Amino acid sequence: MSYALGLLLVVPLGDAYNRYHFLQWMEVASVAVLLLAACSQNIISFGIASVVIGLTSIGGQIIIPYVAYLTPVKKQGPVLGAMISGMLTGILFARTFSGVIAAHWGWSMVYFLAAGANLCLLVMIHLLVPNDPRQLTFKTSYWGILTSVPRLIKQYRYLRVAAVNGFCLFGLANLFLGYSVVPAGRPFWVRERRCRKHGPPRGRDYFGGAVDWSSG
């Protein structure tokens, strides 16, 4: 849900600011909240960090139109195809790798490694990605950018087709990921019996594996 809010509320800011600098600030924020999630000691701090992670992990949705703007028209198809294919492949494999990492080194290591990967990506963006050549001389409010989307969808047919394709791909990817989850530990009804017997688990019990389910 927070990722969808990030797509809706944060991505349009790329039209109002220099995308080269905006991408880097998003990566800095993402590294910070990933470290906060990794160091969380209770459910409240972890929940807040999770929401902010969703809002700041939209760098891929900013860099794709940025690359499309920088790439010559004749080469946009292969370049964008490679980028989108890599992004979707990464989404699919991320679930597998994160599960393996969490099973061997704990859930917090997943967030530490994700923070390190985003830090490497920040350095690569700073060194390899060219600066935004746009001259942002127009004065458009944030609300004006948001309200321009329905007008653009109505005006450009290829934008409507792209929106439908993106919606279907995003929905299929989430449907596949949602049904590919392997239960970790005992089924939920065992946890319900344990809660009725011993009370609700503490915040760290959800993530740290501190609960002995065999007693339930």
C-alpha atoms as a PDB file:
ATOM      1  CA  MET A   1       0.000   0.000   0.000  1.00  0.00           C
ATOM      2  CA  SER A   2       2.764   2.462   0.902  1.00  0.00           C
ATOM      3  CA  TYR A   3       4.569   1.629  -2.362  1.00  0.00           C
ATOM      4  CA  ALA A   4       1.396   2.471  -4.289  1.00  0.00           C
ATOM      5  CA  LEU A   5       1.182   5.760  -2.381  1.00  0.00           C
ATOM      6  CA  GLY A   6       4.808   6.405  -3.311  1.00  0.00           C
ATOM      7  CA  LEU A   7       3.993   5.864  -6.974  1.00  0.00           C
ATOM      8  CA  LEU A   8       1.063   8.246  -6.719  1.00  0.00           C
ATOM      9  CA  LEU A   9       2.524  10.982  -4.512  1.00  0.00           C
ATOM     10  CA  VAL A  10       6.327  10.866  -4.868  1.00  0.00           C
ATOM     11  CA  VAL A  11       7.012   9.880  -8.490  1.00  0.00           C
ATOM     12  CA  PRO A  12       5.347  13.050  -9.931  1.00  0.00           C
ATOM     13  CA  LEU A  13       7.979  15.122  -8.113  1.00  0.00           C
ATOM     14  CA  GLY A  14      10.441  13.950 -10.772  1.00  0.00           C
ATOM     15  CA  ASP A  15       8.710  16.334 -13.195  1.00  0.00           C
ATOM     16  CA  ALA A  16       9.258  19.283 -10.877  1.00  0.00           C
ATOM     17  CA  TYR A  17      12.850  18.704  -9.759  1.00  0.00           C
ATOM     18  CA  ASN A  18      16.177  17.685 -11.234  1.00  0.00           C
ATOM     19  CA  ARG A  19      15.864  13.906 -11.610  1.00  0.00           C
ATOM     20  CA  TYR A  20      19.584  13.302 -11.160  1.00  0.00           C
ATOM     21  CA  HIS A  21      19.558  14.888  -7.711  1.00  0.00           C
ATOM     22  CA  PHE A  22      16.071  13.612  -6.853  1.00  0.00           C
ATOM     23  CA  LEU A  23      17.132  10.001  -7.467  1.00  0.00           C
ATOM     24  CA  GLN A  24      20.104  10.401  -5.164  1.00  0.00           C
ATOM     25  CA  TRP A  25      18.017  11.912  -2.369  1.00  0.00           C
ATOM     26  CA  MET A  26      15.544   9.033  -2.679  1.00  0.00           C
ATOM     27  CA  GLU A  27      18.395   6.532  -2.355  1.00  0.00           C
ATOM     28  CA  VAL A  28      19.756   8.329   0.725  1.00  0.00           C
ATOM     29  CA  ALA A  29      16.315   8.226   2.351  1.00  0.00           C
ATOM     30  CA  SER A  30      15.900   4.565   1.386  1.00  0.00           C
ATOM     31  CA  VAL A  31      19.243   3.602   2.971  1.00  0.00           C
ATOM     32  CA  ALA A  32      18.306   5.445   6.177  1.00  0.00           C
ATOM     33  CA  VAL A  33      14.897   3.795   6.614  1.00  0.00           C
ATOM     34  CA  LEU A  34      16.246   0.336   5.707  1.00  0.00           C
ATOM     35  CA  LEU A  35      18.792   0.683   8.492  1.00  0.00           C
ATOM     36  CA  LEU A  36      16.020   1.852  10.820  1.00  0.00           C
ATOM     37  CA  ALA A  37      13.991  -1.265   9.960  1.00  0.00           C
ATOM     38  CA  ALA A  38      17.014  -3.514  10.503  1.00  0.00           C
ATOM     39  CA  CYS A  39      17.632  -2.012  13.948  1.00  0.00           C
ATOM     40  CA  SER A  40      13.983  -1.952  15.040  1.00  0.00           C
ATOM     41  CA  GLN A  41      13.320  -3.298  18.512  1.00  0.00           C
ATOM     42  CA  ASN A  42       9.521  -3.256  18.456  1.00  0.00           C
ATOM     43  CA  ILE A  43       6.588  -3.503  16.100  1.00  0.00           C
ATOM     44  CA  ILE A  44       5.875   0.241  16.121  1.00  0.00           C
ATOM     45  CA  SER A  45       9.277   1.365  14.852  1.00  0.00           C
ATOM     46  CA  PHE A  46       9.321  -1.480  12.328  1.00  0.00           C
ATOM     47  CA  GLY A  47       5.868  -0.539  11.057  1.00  0.00           C
ATOM     48  CA  ILE A  48       6.824   3.114  10.629  1.00  0.00           C
ATOM     49  CA  ALA A  49      10.020   2.120   8.828  1.00  0.00           C
ATOM     50  CA  SER A  50       8.064  -0.229   6.546  1.00  0.00           C
ATOM     51  CA  VAL A  51       5.693   2.547   5.501  1.00  0.00           C
ATOM     52  CA  VAL A  52       8.560   4.924   4.717  1.00  0.00           C
ATOM     53  CA  ILE A  53      10.416   2.160   2.847  1.00  0.00           C
ATOM     54  CA  GLY A  54       7.441   1.881   0.516  1.00  0.00           C
ATOM     55  CA  LEU A  55       7.426   5.625  -0.074  1.00  0.00           C
ATOM     56  CA  THR A  56      11.164   5.833  -0.817  1.00  0.00           C
ATOM     57  CA  SER A  57      11.635   2.650  -2.866  1.00  0.00           C
ATOM     58  CA  ILE A  58      10.254   4.136  -6.081  1.00  0.00           C
ATOM     59  CA  GLY A  59      13.636   4.903  -7.653  1.00  0.00           C
ATOM     60  CA  GLY A  60      12.983   2.420 -10.454  1.00  0.00           C
ATOM     61  CA  GLN A  61       9.829   4.291 -11.446  1.00  0.00           C
ATOM     62  CA  ILE A  62      11.824   7.521 -11.658  1.00  0.00           C
ATOM     63  CA  ILE A  63      14.891   6.274 -13.482  1.00  0.00           C
ATOM     64  CA  ILE A  64      12.920   4.516 -16.249  1.00  0.00           C
ATOM     65  CA  PRO A  65      11.328   7.714 -17.646  1.00  0.00           C
ATOM     66  CA  TYR A  66      14.637   9.481 -17.013  1.00  0.00           C
ATOM     67  CA  VAL A  67      16.483   6.940 -19.168  1.00  0.00           C
ATOM     68  CA  ALA A  68      13.746   7.178 -21.795  1.00  0.00           C
ATOM     69  CA  TYR A  69      14.300  10.934 -21.916  1.00  0.00           C
ATOM     70  CA  LEU A  70      18.078  10.542 -22.268  1.00  0.00           C
ATOM     71  CA  THR A  71      17.997   7.716 -24.853  1.00  0.00           C
ATOM     72  CA  PRO A  72      17.625   8.450 -28.592  1.00  0.00           C
ATOM     73  CA  VAL A  73      14.203   7.517 -29.951  1.00  0.00           C
ATOM     74  CA  LYS A  74      15.512   4.669 -32.152  1.00  0.00           C
ATOM     75  CA  LYS A  75      17.164   2.961 -29.166  1.00  0.00           C
ATOM     76  CA  GLN A  76      14.438   3.473 -26.585  1.00  0.00           C
ATOM     77  CA  GLY A  77      12.733   0.120 -27.233  1.00  0.00           C
ATOM     78  CA  PRO A  78      15.719  -2.173 -26.497  1.00  0.00           C
ATOM     79  CA  VAL A  79      17.005  -0.017 -23.628  1.00  0.00           C
ATOM     80  CA  LEU A  80      13.671   0.286 -21.831  1.00  0.00           C
ATOM     81  CA  GLY A  81      12.852  -3.363 -22.512  1.00  0.00           C
ATOM     82  CA  ALA A  82      16.102  -4.421 -20.852  1.00  0.00           C
ATOM     83  CA  MET A  83      15.490  -2.140 -17.874  1.00  0.00           C
ATOM     84  CA  ILE A  84      11.907  -3.245 -17.270  1.00  0.00           C
ATOM     85  CA  SER A  85      12.825  -6.915 -17.714  1.00  0.00           C
ATOM     86  CA  GLY A  86      15.636  -6.530 -15.210  1.00  0.00           C
ATOM     87  CA  MET A  87      13.366  -4.764 -12.734  1.00  0.00           C
ATOM     88  CA  LEU A  88      10.650  -7.434 -12.918  1.00  0.00           C
ATOM     89  CA  THR A  89      13.237 -10.225 -12.676  1.00  0.00           C
ATOM     90  CA  GLY A  90      14.719  -8.547  -9.626  1.00  0.00           C
ATOM     91  CA  ILE A  91      11.291  -8.312  -8.004  1.00  0.00           C
ATOM     92  CA  LEU A  92      10.696 -12.031  -8.532  1.00  0.00           C
ATOM     93  CA  PHE A  93      14.113 -13.165  -7.306  1.00  0.00           C
ATOM     94  CA  ALA A  94      14.093 -10.745  -4.348  1.00  0.00           C
ATOM     95  CA  ARG A  95      11.454 -12.842  -2.589  1.00  0.00           C
ATOM     96  CA  THR A  96      13.551 -16.011  -2.986  1.00  0.00           C
ATOM     97  CA  PHE A  97      16.853 -14.471  -1.927  1.00  0.00           C
ATOM     98  CA  SER A  98      15.335 -12.624   1.024  1.00  0.00           C
ATOM     99  CA  GLY A  99      13.769 -15.846   2.274  1.00  0.00           C
ATOM    100  CA  VAL A 100      17.059 -17.716   2.054  1.00  0.00           C
ATOM    101  CA  ILE A 101      18.939 -14.897   3.799  1.00  0.00           C
ATOM    102  CA  ALA A 102      16.337 -14.611   6.568  1.00  0.00           C
ATOM    103  CA  ALA A 103      16.364 -18.374   7.126  1.00  0.00           C
ATOM    104  CA  HIS A 104      20.139 -18.491   7.596  1.00  0.00           C
ATOM    105  CA  TRP A 105      21.074 -15.101   9.098  1.00  0.00           C
ATOM    106  CA  GLY A 106      17.839 -13.631  10.424  1.00  0.00           C
ATOM    107  CA  TRP A 107      15.316 -11.136   9.132  1.00  0.00           C
ATOM    108  CA  SER A 108      17.359  -8.052  10.033  1.00  0.00           C
ATOM    109  CA  MET A 109      20.194  -9.121   7.720  1.00  0.00           C
ATOM    110  CA  VAL A 110      17.809  -8.744   4.776  1.00  0.00           C
ATOM    111  CA  TYR A 111      17.429  -5.041   5.546  1.00  0.00           C
ATOM    112  CA  PHE A 112      21.134  -4.542   6.220  1.00  0.00           C
ATOM    113  CA  LEU A 113      22.003  -6.066   2.832  1.00  0.00           C
ATOM    114  CA  ALA A 114      19.258  -4.046   1.131  1.00  0.00           C
ATOM    115  CA  ALA A 115      20.704  -0.869   2.656  1.00  0.00           C
ATOM    116  CA  GLY A 116      24.159  -1.829   1.366  1.00  0.00           C
ATOM    117  CA  ALA A 117      22.781  -2.516  -2.113  1.00  0.00           C
ATOM    118  CA  ASN A 118      21.033   0.871  -2.167  1.00  0.00           C
ATOM    119  CA  LEU A 119      24.236   2.548  -1.024  1.00  0.00           C
ATOM    120  CA  CYS A 120      26.108   0.952  -3.939  1.00  0.00           C
ATOM    121  CA  LEU A 121      23.335   2.068  -6.267  1.00  0.00           C
ATOM    122  CA  LEU A 122      23.630   5.614  -4.911  1.00  0.00           C
ATOM    123  CA  VAL A 123      27.346   5.668  -5.743  1.00  0.00           C
ATOM    124  CA  MET A 124      26.683   4.288  -9.241  1.00  0.00           C
ATOM    125  CA  ILE A 125      23.998   6.898  -9.922  1.00  0.00           C
ATOM    126  CA  HIS A 126      26.311   9.668  -8.748  1.00  0.00           C
ATOM    127  CA  LEU A 127      29.225   8.498 -10.902  1.00  0.00           C
ATOM    128  CA  LEU A 128      27.597   7.027 -14.009  1.00  0.00           C
ATOM    129  CA  VAL A 129      24.230   8.694 -14.581  1.00  0.00           C
ATOM    130  CA  PRO A 130      24.396  12.020 -16.462  1.00  0.00           C
ATOM    131  CA  ASN A 131      22.910  15.153 -15.001  1.00  0.00           C
ATOM    132  CA  ASP A 132      19.375  16.097 -15.958  1.00  0.00           C
ATOM    133  CA  PRO A 133      19.634  18.255 -19.108  1.00  0.00           C
ATOM    134  CA  ARG A 134      16.171  19.746 -18.672  1.00  0.00           C
ATOM    135  CA  GLN A 135      15.845  23.440 -17.968  1.00  0.00           C
ATOM    136  CA  LEU A 136      13.167  23.572 -15.299  1.00  0.00           C
ATOM    137  CA  THR A 137      11.997  27.101 -15.854  1.00  0.00           C
ATOM    138  CA  PHE A 138       8.256  26.487 -15.543  1.00  0.00           C
ATOM    139  CA  LYS A 139       6.443  27.084 -12.284  1.00  0.00           C
ATOM    140  CA  THR A 140       3.970  24.267 -11.779  1.00  0.00           C
ATOM    141  CA  SER A 141       2.549  23.396  -8.399  1.00  0.00           C
ATOM    142  CA  TYR A 142       2.593  19.878  -7.049  1.00  0.00           C
ATOM    143  CA  TRP A 143      -1.200  19.754  -7.243  1.00  0.00           C
ATOM    144  CA  GLY A 144      -1.036  20.965 -10.847  1.00  0.00           C
ATOM    145  CA  ILE A 145       1.257  18.056 -11.752  1.00  0.00           C
ATOM    146  CA  LEU A 146      -1.118  15.538 -10.150  1.00  0.00           C
ATOM    147  CA  THR A 147      -4.214  16.956 -11.840  1.00  0.00           C
ATOM    148  CA  SER A 148      -2.509  16.950 -15.257  1.00  0.00           C
ATOM    149  CA  VAL A 149      -2.419  13.128 -15.349  1.00  0.00           C
ATOM    150  CA  PRO A 150      -6.118  12.596 -16.317  1.00  0.00           C
ATOM    151  CA  ARG A 151      -5.797  15.203 -19.065  1.00  0.00           C
ATOM    152  CA  LEU A 152      -2.690  13.532 -20.497  1.00  0.00           C
ATOM    153  CA  ILE A 153      -4.320  10.091 -20.385  1.00  0.00           C
ATOM    154  CA  LYS A 154      -7.312  11.450 -22.268  1.00  0.00           C
ATOM    155  CA  GLN A 155      -5.117  13.216 -24.830  1.00  0.00           C
ATOM    156  CA  TYR A 156      -2.598  10.450 -25.681  1.00  0.00           C
ATOM    157  CA  ARG A 157      -3.799   7.005 -26.731  1.00  0.00           C
ATOM    158  CA  TYR A 158      -0.389   5.320 -26.300  1.00  0.00           C
ATOM    159  CA  LEU A 159      -0.348   6.535 -22.703  1.00  0.00           C
ATOM    160  CA  ARG A 160      -3.640   4.778 -22.060  1.00  0.00           C
ATOM    161  CA  VAL A 161      -2.276   1.562 -23.584  1.00  0.00           C
ATOM    162  CA  ALA A 162       0.916   1.811 -21.516  1.00  0.00           C
ATOM    163  CA  ALA A 163      -1.101   2.422 -18.347  1.00  0.00           C
ATOM    164  CA  VAL A 164      -3.259  -0.666 -18.936  1.00  0.00           C
ATOM    165  CA  ASN A 165      -0.194  -2.814 -19.686  1.00  0.00           C
ATOM    166  CA  GLY A 166       1.576  -1.561 -16.576  1.00  0.00           C
ATOM    167  CA  PHE A 167      -1.504  -2.195 -14.451  1.00  0.00           C
ATOM    168  CA  CYS A 168      -1.778  -5.784 -15.719  1.00  0.00           C
ATOM    169  CA  LEU A 169       1.945  -6.517 -15.268  1.00  0.00           C
ATOM    170  CA  PHE A 170       1.946  -5.062 -11.767  1.00  0.00           C
ATOM    171  CA  GLY A 171      -1.179  -6.994 -10.829  1.00  0.00           C
ATOM    172  CA  LEU A 172       0.110 -10.298 -12.213  1.00  0.00           C
ATOM    173  CA  ALA A 173       3.464  -9.898 -10.479  1.00  0.00           C
ATOM    174  CA  ASN A 174       1.791  -9.239  -7.122  1.00  0.00           C
ATOM    175  CA  LEU A 175      -0.666 -12.094  -7.662  1.00  0.00           C
ATOM    176  CA  PHE A 176       2.214 -14.471  -8.343  1.00  0.00           C
ATOM    177  CA  LEU A 177       4.183 -13.260  -5.335  1.00  0.00           C
ATOM    178  CA  GLY A 178       1.165 -13.401  -3.062  1.00  0.00           C
ATOM    179  CA  TYR A 179       0.529 -17.091  -3.801  1.00  0.00           C
ATOM    180  CA  SER A 180       4.210 -18.090  -3.794  1.00  0.00           C
ATOM    181  CA  VAL A 181       4.676 -17.472  -0.060  1.00  0.00           C
ATOM    182  CA  VAL A 182       5.857 -20.510   1.899  1.00  0.00           C
ATOM    183  CA  PRO A 183       4.587 -20.462   5.507  1.00  0.00           C
ATOM    184  CA  ALA A 184       7.393 -19.868   8.002  1.00  0.00           C
ATOM    185  CA  GLY A 185       6.924 -22.148  10.994  1.00  0.00           C
ATOM    186  CA  ARG A 186       3.655 -23.438  12.346  1.00  0.00           C
ATOM    187  CA  PRO A 187       0.296 -22.624  10.686  1.00  0.00           C
ATOM    188  CA  PHE A 188      -1.625 -19.605  11.899  1.00  0.00           C
ATOM    189  CA  TRP A 189      -4.136 -21.651  13.898  1.00  0.00           C
ATOM    190  CA  VAL A 190      -1.275 -22.997  16.037  1.00  0.00           C
ATOM    191  CA  ARG A 191      -0.257 -19.415  16.776  1.00  0.00           C
ATOM    192  CA  GLU A 192      -3.880 -18.614  17.673  1.00  0.00           C
ATOM    193  CA  ARG A 193      -3.922 -21.452  20.241  1.00  0.00           C
ATOM    194  CA  ARG A 194      -0.633 -20.181  21.633  1.00  0.00           C
ATOM    195  CA  CYS A 195      -2.043 -16.639  21.952  1.00  0.00           C
ATOM    196  CA  ARG A 196      -5.149 -17.890  23.792  1.00  0.00           C
ATOM    197  CA  LYS A 197      -2.951 -19.888  26.151  1.00  0.00           C
ATOM    198  CA  HIS A 198      -0.032 -17.523  26.760  1.00  0.00           C
ATOM    199  CA  GLY A 199      -1.283 -14.127  25.563  1.00  0.00           C
ATOM    200  CA  PRO A 200      -0.313 -12.173  22.429  1.00  0.00           C
ATOM    201  CA  PRO A 201       3.352 -12.298  21.403  1.00  0.00           C
ATOM    202  CA  ARG A 202       5.618  -9.340  21.988  1.00  0.00           C
ATOM    203  CA  GLY A 203       6.709  -7.130  19.073  1.00  0.00           C
ATOM    204  CA  ARG A 204      10.093  -8.812  18.695  1.00  0.00           C
ATOM    205  CA  ASP A 205       8.430 -12.248  18.656  1.00  0.00           C
ATOM    206  CA  TYR A 206       6.964 -11.493  15.231  1.00  0.00           C
ATOM    207  CA  PHE A 207      10.389 -10.993  13.688  1.00  0.00           C
ATOM    208  CA  GLY A 208      13.132 -12.298  15.927  1.00  0.00           C
ATOM    209  CA  GLY A 209      12.032 -15.932  16.151  1.00  0.00           C
ATOM    210  CA  ALA A 210      12.009 -15.726  19.946  1.00  0.00           C
ATOM    211  CA  VAL A 211       8.755 -17.690  20.310  1.00  0.00           C
ATOM    212  CA  ASP A 212       8.936 -21.446  20.874  1.00  0.00           C
ATOM    213  CA  TRP A 213       5.908 -22.620  18.900  1.00  0.00           C
ATOM    214  CA  SER A 214       6.395 -26.202  20.020  1.00  0.00           C
ATOM    215  CA  SER A 215       4.857 -25.269  23.353  1.00  0.00           C
ATOM    216  CA  GLY A 216       1.672 -24.106  21.673  1.00  0.00           C
END
